[in-house]
Protein backbone atom coordinates (compact mmCIF):
# COMPACT_ATOMS: atom_id res chain seq x y z
CA MET A 1 325.90 -3.19 106.32
CA ARG A 2 325.14 -1.75 102.56
CA SER A 3 323.91 2.17 104.96
CA ARG A 4 326.49 1.87 107.44
CA TYR A 5 328.88 1.29 104.82
CA THR A 6 327.47 4.66 102.74
CA ALA A 7 327.19 6.74 106.03
CA TYR A 8 330.61 6.05 106.40
CA VAL A 9 331.68 6.87 102.53
CA LEU A 10 330.36 10.46 103.58
CA LYS A 11 331.24 10.50 106.96
CA ASN A 12 328.16 10.48 108.64
CA SER A 13 329.10 9.99 112.06
CA GLU A 14 325.27 10.57 113.52
CA TYR A 15 323.70 7.41 111.01
CA LEU A 16 326.74 5.85 112.26
CA LEU A 17 326.46 6.60 115.85
CA LYS A 18 322.81 5.84 116.07
CA THR A 19 323.23 2.60 114.49
CA TRP A 20 325.92 1.41 116.90
CA HIS A 21 324.82 -0.50 120.02
CA PRO A 22 324.60 1.21 122.86
CA GLN A 23 327.02 -1.29 124.80
CA LYS A 24 329.54 -1.15 122.34
CA ARG A 25 328.97 2.33 120.47
CA PRO A 26 332.21 4.82 120.89
CA VAL A 27 331.67 8.63 122.35
CA SER A 28 332.18 10.07 118.93
CA ILE A 29 334.34 9.62 115.51
CA ASP A 30 336.90 11.18 114.56
CA PHE A 31 336.86 11.76 110.53
CA SER A 32 339.51 14.64 110.83
CA LYS A 33 342.73 11.79 109.40
CA GLU A 34 339.94 10.42 107.20
CA SER A 35 342.55 9.90 104.14
CA ALA A 36 341.15 6.58 102.16
CA ASN A 37 338.82 7.27 99.32
CA TRP A 38 336.28 4.46 99.44
CA GLN A 39 334.87 2.77 96.24
CA HIS A 40 332.60 0.76 96.38
CA LEU A 41 331.65 -2.66 99.03
CA GLU A 42 330.89 -6.15 98.19
CA ILE A 43 329.13 -8.91 100.61
CA ILE A 44 330.42 -11.97 100.21
CA SER A 45 328.45 -13.69 102.63
CA ILE A 46 325.55 -12.69 105.63
CA GLN A 47 324.45 -15.54 108.29
CA ASN A 48 320.65 -15.27 109.60
CA GLY A 49 319.74 -11.31 109.50
CA GLY A 50 316.18 -12.73 108.39
CA VAL A 51 313.12 -11.33 110.33
CA LYS A 52 312.61 -13.92 113.04
CA ASP A 53 316.69 -13.55 113.83
CA GLN A 54 317.73 -11.36 116.51
CA ARG A 55 321.54 -11.55 115.64
CA ALA A 56 323.55 -11.51 111.91
CA ILE A 57 327.11 -11.38 110.58
CA VAL A 58 327.78 -9.90 107.58
CA GLU A 59 331.35 -10.72 106.07
CA PHE A 60 332.49 -7.97 103.35
CA GLU A 61 335.58 -6.52 101.43
CA ALA A 62 335.82 -2.98 101.14
CA TYR A 63 337.28 -1.21 98.58
CA TYR A 64 339.41 2.14 98.57
CA LEU A 65 342.30 4.07 97.41
CA LEU A 66 344.97 5.40 99.75
CA ASP A 67 348.10 7.01 98.35
CA GLY A 68 347.07 6.37 94.78
CA THR A 69 346.81 2.61 95.56
CA GLU A 70 343.70 0.37 95.14
CA GLN A 71 343.15 -1.80 98.70
CA VAL A 72 340.96 -3.75 100.23
CA MET A 73 339.69 -4.54 103.66
CA LYS A 74 338.25 -7.69 104.50
CA GLU A 75 336.12 -7.65 107.64
CA ILE A 76 333.47 -10.03 108.76
CA SER A 77 330.95 -7.69 111.49
CA ARG A 78 328.44 -8.64 114.21
CA PHE A 79 324.65 -7.40 114.07
CA LYS A 80 322.14 -7.48 116.58
CA LYS A 81 318.62 -7.08 116.58
CA GLU A 82 316.50 -4.45 119.34
CA ASN A 83 313.02 -3.40 119.04
CA CYS A 84 312.76 -4.09 114.80
CA ALA A 85 316.79 -2.20 113.93
CA TRP A 86 319.74 -3.72 113.27
CA TYR A 87 322.54 -2.89 115.88
CA TYR A 88 326.37 -3.29 114.80
CA LEU A 89 327.86 -5.03 117.13
CA ASP A 90 331.86 -5.30 116.30
CA GLY A 91 333.62 -6.23 113.72
CA LYS A 92 336.97 -8.03 113.21
CA VAL A 93 339.27 -7.35 110.18
CA LYS A 94 340.73 -10.36 108.34
CA SER A 95 343.03 -8.90 106.35
CA ILE A 96 344.38 -5.64 105.09
CA ALA A 97 345.67 -5.95 101.60
CA SER A 98 347.42 -3.21 98.00
CA LYS A 99 345.22 -5.68 95.52
CA GLY A 100 347.42 -7.47 93.82
CA GLY A 101 350.13 -7.17 97.03
CA PRO A 102 350.60 -9.64 100.41
CA THR A 103 347.31 -9.05 102.92
CA ASN A 104 348.69 -7.79 105.74
CA GLN A 105 346.46 -9.58 108.59
CA GLY A 106 343.79 -8.82 111.22
CA LEU A 107 344.27 -6.24 114.29
CA ASN A 108 347.42 -5.18 113.63
CA ALA A 109 347.00 -4.60 110.55
CA LEU A 110 347.43 -0.82 109.62
CA CYS A 111 343.84 1.02 109.88
CA ALA A 112 342.22 1.29 106.40
CA CYS A 113 341.34 4.91 107.66
CA GLY A 114 344.46 5.54 107.02
CA SER A 115 345.97 6.91 109.99
CA GLY A 116 349.07 4.58 110.15
CA LYS A 117 348.62 3.36 112.84
CA LYS A 118 347.31 -0.02 113.88
CA PHE A 119 343.62 -1.44 113.69
CA LYS A 120 343.74 -2.45 117.01
CA ARG A 121 344.85 1.29 118.41
CA CYS A 122 342.19 2.97 115.71
CA CYS A 123 338.89 2.08 114.54
CA GLY A 124 339.45 -1.45 116.72
CA LYS A 125 339.47 -0.02 119.38
CA ASN A 126 335.80 -1.37 121.68
């Protein structure tokens, strides 16, 4: 999870695509409209993910600045291990909010990438 977050911050689409499960992987990742300035990641919980596990769930909060306002996106991501490597399957945004402000919930929230689109029409597309 942390390596994918770092790759996202660095706009390293090659790494993101490589670590995305082939059955769920998009054809490409377009960072051209990315305007968020990512600040830090907090892992809230991890279910499974050990040496003997084949699946894992990670809940996290990703903090970023958008137009000078601190925002936080809360997501639950699913991972699958194949051939000793972990792959990102998908994630469900729980909420997106201004720090200290009202929360915008789920797929109808504005996408954290700053596109102005709803999450379900942008980065949440499968």
